[in-house]
Amino acid sequence: MGISTEATGTVEVRPLVAGSALAPAAVGMSVAMVLIVVVGSAGFNDQRLALLLGYLCVWVPLVAAVVVAGGRPGAAFWVRGLRLTLRPIDLIWGLGVGLLARTVASLIEIWGYGGVGSTGVQLGETVYDAWWVFGTLLAPVLLAPVIEEVFFRGLVLRAVHGQTMAHRATWAAAPIAVGVSGLTFALLHLMALSLSNTTTVLVVGSATLVVGLATAWLALATGRIGGAIIAHVTFNALVILPAFV
């Protein structure tokens, strides 16, 4: 699948093709990882503040990287450059890929932990207020999937794919782009967690890698990231759901 170099009006969607988006993507990823370490080692007593800063230290650098890569981001950049579109068929593809990825991740958890894990967010004693809605539902199920897919599948995947195609390595463009997108996605999630043992590293790393590779493949196959966002939302919702059962 090629990457569009179309121009709409005066806004030319070319950065992802030329590979110039790789630099801001790398910087955004690096800054997010540094901030994760800094915030994680700060030892905040206020769990709500720690939760909010934990998300912001990832989201802000990733969104900033996308904006910088777009130069003068308008509708053409988001739609043609990042392929941020959604069609009805993407709902079906997204649900299917999300369910399949969650099934594989569950098998990995059973292998590693002896049972299926869940990551319902806890803010001390459960109080069903706005913070609970944000930390348990809004952030992990909606905001995180959208921001992460825009960065990893809209920016990283397409930038790597475009750069590889520019070097005429057509046969390797798709696997390299999917691999880089999936590996960086898994790495960021490993950095964001408190990993106490080898089993946790293997389980979390493998599960997030499965999601990253699956959504990257879907984004390339459809030429849009709408389905990848739906798949990510589905996966995360199925991680949170067991906490309510």
Protein backbone atom coordinates (compact mmCIF):
# COMPACT_ATOMS: atom_id res chain seq x y z
CA MET A 1 0.00 0.00 0.00
CA GLY A 2 1.41 3.38 -0.96
CA ILE A 3 1.24 6.57 1.06
CA SER A 4 -0.53 9.60 -0.36
CA THR A 5 1.43 12.61 -1.52
CA GLU A 6 -1.69 14.53 -2.48
CA ALA A 7 -2.02 18.23 -1.86
CA THR A 8 -5.18 20.01 -0.85
CA GLY A 9 -5.15 23.75 -1.41
CA THR A 10 -1.82 25.04 -0.16
CA VAL A 11 -1.22 22.25 2.34
CA GLU A 12 0.93 19.51 0.85
CA VAL A 13 0.87 16.21 2.67
CA ARG A 14 4.45 15.13 2.09
CA PRO A 15 6.34 14.90 5.44
CA LEU A 16 5.34 11.29 6.16
CA VAL A 17 6.47 10.23 2.69
CA ALA A 18 9.86 11.94 2.90
CA GLY A 19 10.48 10.51 6.34
CA SER A 20 10.94 13.92 7.98
CA ALA A 21 8.28 12.89 10.50
CA LEU A 22 10.64 10.31 11.97
CA ALA A 23 12.62 12.95 13.89
CA PRO A 24 9.68 14.46 15.81
CA ALA A 25 8.30 10.96 16.38
CA ALA A 26 11.61 9.83 17.91
CA VAL A 27 11.87 12.98 20.03
CA GLY A 28 8.28 12.64 21.23
CA MET A 29 8.83 9.01 22.17
CA SER A 30 12.09 9.82 23.98
CA VAL A 31 10.60 12.73 25.93
CA ALA A 32 7.63 10.59 26.97
CA MET A 33 9.94 7.85 28.25
CA VAL A 34 12.04 10.33 30.25
CA LEU A 35 8.95 11.92 31.77
CA ILE A 36 7.57 8.48 32.67
CA VAL A 37 10.72 7.76 34.67
CA VAL A 38 10.72 11.19 36.33
CA VAL A 39 7.04 11.12 37.28
CA GLY A 40 7.24 7.47 38.36
CA SER A 41 10.13 8.17 40.72
CA ALA A 42 8.58 11.32 42.22
CA GLY A 43 6.47 9.35 44.70
CA PHE A 44 3.34 11.53 44.75
CA ASN A 45 1.11 11.01 47.77
CA ASP A 46 -1.95 12.21 45.88
CA GLN A 47 -2.97 9.27 43.71
CA ARG A 48 -5.21 11.43 41.57
CA LEU A 49 -2.36 13.82 40.77
CA ALA A 50 -0.06 10.87 40.03
CA LEU A 51 -2.68 9.38 37.71
CA LEU A 52 -3.20 12.64 35.82
CA LEU A 53 0.53 13.35 35.47
CA GLY A 54 1.12 9.75 34.40
CA TYR A 55 -1.20 10.20 31.45
CA LEU A 56 -0.06 13.72 30.59
CA CYS A 57 3.64 12.83 30.53
CA VAL A 58 2.80 10.39 27.71
CA TRP A 59 0.03 12.19 25.90
CA VAL A 60 1.59 15.67 25.66
CA PRO A 61 4.86 14.58 23.97
CA LEU A 62 3.03 12.25 21.57
CA VAL A 63 0.48 14.86 20.52
CA ALA A 64 3.24 17.49 20.23
CA ALA A 65 5.21 15.17 17.95
CA VAL A 66 2.20 14.75 15.66
CA VAL A 67 1.61 18.51 15.50
CA VAL A 68 5.28 19.24 14.77
CA ALA A 69 5.38 16.56 12.07
CA GLY A 70 2.37 18.13 10.38
CA GLY A 71 4.02 21.53 10.04
CA ARG A 72 0.79 23.45 9.40
CA PRO A 73 -1.69 20.74 10.35
CA GLY A 74 -5.12 21.21 8.88
CA ALA A 75 -7.83 18.83 7.80
CA ALA A 76 -5.65 17.60 4.92
CA PHE A 77 -2.88 16.51 7.27
CA TRP A 78 -5.16 14.62 9.66
CA VAL A 79 -7.25 13.00 6.93
CA ARG A 80 -4.71 12.44 4.14
CA GLY A 81 -1.45 12.41 6.09
CA LEU A 82 -2.44 10.44 9.20
CA ARG A 83 -5.45 8.72 7.56
CA LEU A 84 -7.62 9.62 10.53
CA THR A 85 -10.87 8.46 8.98
CA LEU A 86 -13.51 5.93 9.93
CA ARG A 87 -15.87 3.95 7.70
CA PRO A 88 -18.68 1.64 8.79
CA ILE A 89 -16.65 -1.45 7.80
CA ASP A 90 -13.91 -0.29 10.19
CA LEU A 91 -16.27 -0.91 13.09
CA ILE A 92 -16.48 -4.57 12.15
CA TRP A 93 -12.75 -4.91 11.49
CA GLY A 94 -11.91 -3.03 14.68
CA LEU A 95 -14.18 -5.12 16.88
CA GLY A 96 -12.89 -8.34 15.33
CA VAL A 97 -9.21 -7.45 15.65
CA GLY A 98 -9.73 -6.09 19.18
CA LEU A 99 -11.48 -9.29 20.31
CA LEU A 100 -8.82 -11.48 18.70
CA ALA A 101 -5.97 -9.47 20.24
CA ARG A 102 -7.61 -9.64 23.66
CA THR A 103 -8.07 -13.40 23.31
CA VAL A 104 -4.38 -13.86 22.50
CA ALA A 105 -3.40 -11.54 25.36
CA SER A 106 -5.61 -13.55 27.75
CA LEU A 107 -3.85 -16.76 26.72
CA ILE A 108 -0.51 -15.06 27.41
CA GLU A 109 -1.76 -13.97 30.85
CA ILE A 110 -2.97 -17.49 31.65
CA TRP A 111 0.45 -18.82 30.66
CA GLY A 112 2.29 -16.27 32.77
CA TYR A 113 0.00 -15.64 35.73
CA GLY A 114 -2.15 -18.75 35.79
CA GLY A 115 -5.25 -16.66 35.14
CA VAL A 116 -6.61 -13.69 33.20
CA GLY A 117 -5.48 -10.37 34.68
CA SER A 118 -7.38 -7.09 34.82
CA THR A 119 -6.20 -3.53 35.26
CA GLY A 120 -9.12 -1.68 36.74
CA VAL A 121 -7.78 1.64 37.98
CA GLN A 122 -8.02 2.15 41.71
CA LEU A 123 -7.95 5.62 43.31
CA GLY A 124 -7.90 4.52 46.92
CA GLU A 125 -11.40 3.89 48.24
CA THR A 126 -13.79 3.75 45.31
CA VAL A 127 -15.76 6.96 44.94
CA TYR A 128 -17.89 7.17 41.82
CA ASP A 129 -17.10 10.76 40.92
CA ALA A 130 -15.54 12.55 37.94
CA TRP A 131 -12.07 11.24 38.83
CA TRP A 132 -13.38 7.67 38.78
CA VAL A 133 -14.95 8.24 35.35
CA PHE A 134 -11.69 9.73 34.04
CA GLY A 135 -9.28 7.18 35.54
CA THR A 136 -11.35 4.06 35.01
CA LEU A 137 -13.27 4.72 31.81
CA LEU A 138 -12.51 7.90 29.88
CA ALA A 139 -8.70 7.85 29.93
CA PRO A 140 -7.93 4.14 29.37
CA VAL A 141 -10.88 3.23 27.14
CA LEU A 142 -11.25 6.32 24.96
CA LEU A 143 -8.53 8.98 25.23
CA ALA A 144 -5.49 6.70 25.40
CA PRO A 145 -6.49 4.57 22.37
CA VAL A 146 -7.17 7.64 20.22
CA ILE A 147 -3.95 9.47 21.14
CA GLU A 148 -1.77 6.36 20.94
CA GLU A 149 -3.19 5.21 17.62
CA VAL A 150 -2.78 8.66 16.08
CA PHE A 151 0.88 8.63 17.15
CA PHE A 152 1.90 5.00 16.63
CA ARG A 153 -0.28 4.08 13.65
CA GLY A 154 -0.91 7.51 12.17
CA LEU A 155 2.59 8.96 12.55
CA VAL A 156 5.18 6.26 13.33
CA LEU A 157 3.74 3.53 11.12
CA ARG A 158 3.24 5.78 8.11
CA ALA A 159 6.55 7.61 8.53
CA VAL A 160 8.54 4.36 8.69
CA HIS A 161 6.54 2.88 5.82
CA GLY A 162 7.08 5.98 3.70
CA GLN A 163 10.80 6.13 4.48
CA THR A 164 11.28 2.46 3.63
CA MET A 165 9.36 2.87 0.37
CA ALA A 166 11.51 5.91 -0.47
CA HIS A 167 14.57 3.63 -0.32
CA ARG A 168 12.83 1.30 -2.79
CA ALA A 169 12.62 -1.52 -0.26
CA THR A 170 9.02 -2.20 -1.27
CA TRP A 171 9.00 -5.81 -0.10
CA ALA A 172 10.17 -4.82 3.40
CA ALA A 173 8.13 -1.65 3.90
CA ALA A 174 5.05 -3.26 5.47
CA PRO A 175 6.79 -5.69 7.89
CA ILE A 176 9.33 -3.07 8.99
CA ALA A 177 6.66 -0.43 9.57
CA VAL A 178 4.39 -2.84 11.46
CA GLY A 179 7.32 -4.13 13.52
CA VAL A 180 8.64 -0.70 14.49
CA SER A 181 5.16 0.58 15.34
CA GLY A 182 4.37 -2.49 17.43
CA LEU A 183 7.72 -2.61 19.25
CA THR A 184 7.76 1.08 20.18
CA PHE A 185 4.16 0.79 21.37
CA ALA A 186 5.06 -2.15 23.62
CA LEU A 187 8.20 -0.42 24.89
CA LEU A 188 6.29 2.68 25.98
CA HIS A 189 3.79 0.56 27.91
CA LEU A 190 6.57 -1.36 29.62
CA MET A 191 8.13 1.94 30.70
CA ALA A 192 4.80 3.15 32.08
CA LEU A 193 4.34 0.15 34.39
CA SER A 194 6.06 -0.89 37.59
CA LEU A 195 7.66 -4.14 36.45
CA SER A 196 8.71 -6.22 39.42
CA ASN A 197 9.71 -9.51 37.82
CA THR A 198 10.58 -11.26 34.58
CA THR A 199 7.14 -12.85 34.22
CA THR A 200 5.45 -9.46 34.32
CA VAL A 201 7.85 -8.10 31.72
CA LEU A 202 7.17 -11.04 29.42
CA VAL A 203 3.40 -10.98 29.85
CA VAL A 204 2.92 -7.22 29.57
CA GLY A 205 5.47 -6.90 26.79
CA SER A 206 3.98 -9.75 24.77
CA ALA A 207 0.37 -8.64 25.27
CA THR A 208 1.01 -5.02 24.27
CA LEU A 209 3.13 -6.17 21.34
CA VAL A 210 0.20 -8.27 20.10
CA VAL A 211 -2.07 -5.21 20.22
CA GLY A 212 0.52 -3.01 18.54
CA LEU A 213 1.18 -5.43 15.70
CA ALA A 214 -2.52 -6.18 15.19
CA THR A 215 -3.61 -2.54 15.00
CA ALA A 216 -0.60 -1.66 12.80
CA TRP A 217 -1.50 -4.43 10.37
CA LEU A 218 -5.13 -3.27 10.33
CA ALA A 219 -4.10 0.34 9.66
CA LEU A 220 -1.93 -0.68 6.73
CA ALA A 221 -4.49 -3.13 5.35
CA THR A 222 -7.34 -0.61 5.36
CA GLY A 223 -5.31 2.53 4.66
CA ARG A 224 -7.02 4.22 7.64
CA ILE A 225 -6.51 4.32 11.40
CA GLY A 226 -10.21 4.38 12.27
CA GLY A 227 -10.36 0.60 12.54
CA ALA A 228 -7.14 0.53 14.61
CA ILE A 229 -8.70 2.97 17.08
CA ILE A 230 -11.82 0.81 17.39
CA ALA A 231 -9.66 -2.28 17.92
CA HIS A 232 -7.63 -0.51 20.62
CA VAL A 233 -10.78 0.75 22.34
CA THR A 234 -12.24 -2.76 22.24
CA PHE A 235 -9.08 -4.31 23.68
CA ASN A 236 -8.83 -1.81 26.54
CA ALA A 237 -12.53 -2.07 27.33
CA LEU A 238 -12.19 -5.84 27.63
CA VAL A 239 -9.26 -5.33 30.01
CA ILE A 240 -11.32 -3.01 32.23
CA LEU A 241 -14.57 -5.00 32.05
CA PRO A 242 -13.54 -7.87 34.40
CA ALA A 243 -13.12 -5.33 37.23
CA PHE A 244 -16.87 -4.68 37.12
CA VAL A 245 -17.89 -8.34 37.14
